[in-house]
Amino acid sequence: MAEHKMGSMDITEQTKTFDGFITFTIRSLIAIFAIVVILALFGA
């Protein structure tokens, strides 16, 4: 069985995916917040 060495795995793809997820989440929350504010101001 191969020995595991901490820190030897290439995680660039995982990092890009995580960064994309965080960016998407933040933009979605901003959009949802804007919609809620618009609905509160103009009533629906």
N, C-alpha and C. Protein backbone atom coordinates (compact mmCIF):
# COMPACT_ATOMS: atom_id res chain seq x y z
N MET A 1 0.84 -1.17 0.00
CA MET A 1 0.00 0.00 0.00
C MET A 1 0.89 1.25 0.00
N ALA A 2 0.50 2.25 -0.77
CA ALA A 2 1.30 3.47 -0.88
C ALA A 2 1.19 4.32 0.38
N GLU A 3 2.26 4.99 0.67
CA GLU A 3 2.28 5.90 1.82
C GLU A 3 1.65 7.23 1.43
N HIS A 4 0.84 7.78 2.32
CA HIS A 4 0.23 9.09 2.07
C HIS A 4 1.15 10.18 2.59
N LYS A 5 1.38 11.18 1.76
CA LYS A 5 2.22 12.31 2.17
C LYS A 5 1.34 13.56 2.22
N MET A 6 1.25 14.17 3.38
CA MET A 6 0.43 15.37 3.56
C MET A 6 0.90 16.49 2.64
N GLY A 7 -0.04 17.12 1.94
CA GLY A 7 0.29 18.26 1.10
C GLY A 7 0.82 17.91 -0.26
N SER A 8 0.78 16.65 -0.65
CA SER A 8 1.35 16.28 -1.95
C SER A 8 0.32 16.28 -3.07
N MET A 9 -0.96 16.40 -2.74
CA MET A 9 -2.01 16.35 -3.76
C MET A 9 -2.18 17.73 -4.40
N ASP A 10 -2.39 17.74 -5.72
CA ASP A 10 -2.63 18.98 -6.44
C ASP A 10 -4.11 19.37 -6.27
N ILE A 11 -4.37 20.50 -5.62
CA ILE A 11 -5.75 20.89 -5.32
C ILE A 11 -6.16 22.16 -6.07
N THR A 12 -5.50 22.46 -7.19
CA THR A 12 -5.84 23.69 -7.91
C THR A 12 -7.27 23.66 -8.45
N GLU A 13 -7.73 22.52 -8.96
CA GLU A 13 -9.10 22.43 -9.47
C GLU A 13 -10.12 22.57 -8.35
N GLN A 14 -9.86 21.95 -7.21
CA GLN A 14 -10.77 22.07 -6.08
C GLN A 14 -10.83 23.51 -5.59
N THR A 15 -9.70 24.19 -5.58
CA THR A 15 -9.65 25.58 -5.15
C THR A 15 -10.45 26.46 -6.10
N LYS A 16 -10.30 26.24 -7.42
CA LYS A 16 -11.05 27.02 -8.41
C LYS A 16 -12.55 26.77 -8.25
N THR A 17 -12.93 25.53 -8.04
CA THR A 17 -14.34 25.20 -7.87
C THR A 17 -14.91 25.87 -6.62
N PHE A 18 -14.18 25.81 -5.53
CA PHE A 18 -14.63 26.44 -4.28
C PHE A 18 -14.75 27.95 -4.44
N ASP A 19 -13.76 28.57 -5.08
CA ASP A 19 -13.81 30.02 -5.30
C ASP A 19 -15.01 30.39 -6.17
N GLY A 20 -15.29 29.59 -7.19
CA GLY A 20 -16.45 29.83 -8.04
C GLY A 20 -17.75 29.69 -7.27
N PHE A 21 -17.83 28.70 -6.40
CA PHE A 21 -19.01 28.49 -5.58
C PHE A 21 -19.25 29.67 -4.64
N ILE A 22 -18.19 30.15 -4.01
CA ILE A 22 -18.32 31.28 -3.09
C ILE A 22 -18.75 32.53 -3.85
N THR A 23 -18.16 32.77 -5.02
CA THR A 23 -18.54 33.93 -5.83
C THR A 23 -20.00 33.85 -6.24
N PHE A 24 -20.44 32.67 -6.70
CA PHE A 24 -21.83 32.47 -7.09
C PHE A 24 -22.77 32.71 -5.92
N THR A 25 -22.42 32.20 -4.76
CA THR A 25 -23.25 32.35 -3.56
C THR A 25 -23.38 33.81 -3.16
N ILE A 26 -22.29 34.54 -3.16
CA ILE A 26 -22.32 35.94 -2.77
C ILE A 26 -23.16 36.75 -3.75
N ARG A 27 -22.97 36.52 -5.05
CA ARG A 27 -23.76 37.25 -6.06
C ARG A 27 -25.24 36.90 -5.96
N SER A 28 -25.55 35.64 -5.68
CA SER A 28 -26.95 35.24 -5.53
C SER A 28 -27.58 35.91 -4.32
N LEU A 29 -26.86 35.97 -3.21
CA LEU A 29 -27.39 36.62 -2.01
C LEU A 29 -27.62 38.10 -2.24
N ILE A 30 -26.72 38.75 -2.96
CA ILE A 30 -26.90 40.17 -3.26
C ILE A 30 -28.14 40.37 -4.13
N ALA A 31 -28.32 39.51 -5.13
CA ALA A 31 -29.50 39.62 -6.01
C ALA A 31 -30.79 39.38 -5.22
N ILE A 32 -30.80 38.37 -4.37
CA ILE A 32 -31.99 38.09 -3.56
C ILE A 32 -32.29 39.25 -2.63
N PHE A 33 -31.26 39.80 -2.00
CA PHE A 33 -31.45 40.94 -1.10
C PHE A 33 -32.02 42.14 -1.86
N ALA A 34 -31.50 42.39 -3.07
CA ALA A 34 -32.00 43.50 -3.89
C ALA A 34 -33.47 43.30 -4.24
N ILE A 35 -33.84 42.08 -4.59
CA ILE A 35 -35.24 41.79 -4.92
C ILE A 35 -36.14 42.01 -3.70
N VAL A 36 -35.69 41.57 -2.54
CA VAL A 36 -36.48 41.75 -1.32
C VAL A 36 -36.65 43.23 -1.01
N VAL A 37 -35.60 44.02 -1.16
CA VAL A 37 -35.68 45.46 -0.91
C VAL A 37 -36.64 46.12 -1.90
N ILE A 38 -36.55 45.77 -3.17
CA ILE A 38 -37.45 46.33 -4.19
C ILE A 38 -38.90 45.98 -3.86
N LEU A 39 -39.16 44.74 -3.49
CA LEU A 39 -40.51 44.34 -3.13
C LEU A 39 -41.01 45.08 -1.90
N ALA A 40 -40.13 45.31 -0.95
CA ALA A 40 -40.51 46.03 0.27
C ALA A 40 -40.82 47.49 -0.03
N LEU A 41 -40.08 48.09 -0.94
CA LEU A 41 -40.28 49.50 -1.25
C LEU A 41 -41.51 49.74 -2.11
N PHE A 42 -41.72 48.90 -3.09
CA PHE A 42 -42.80 49.12 -4.06
C PHE A 42 -44.03 48.26 -3.81
N GLY A 43 -43.95 47.38 -2.83
CA GLY A 43 -45.09 46.53 -2.46
C GLY A 43 -45.51 45.58 -3.56
N ALA A 44 -45.80 44.41 -3.17
CA ALA A 44 -46.24 43.43 -4.17
C ALA A 44 -47.33 42.56 -3.57
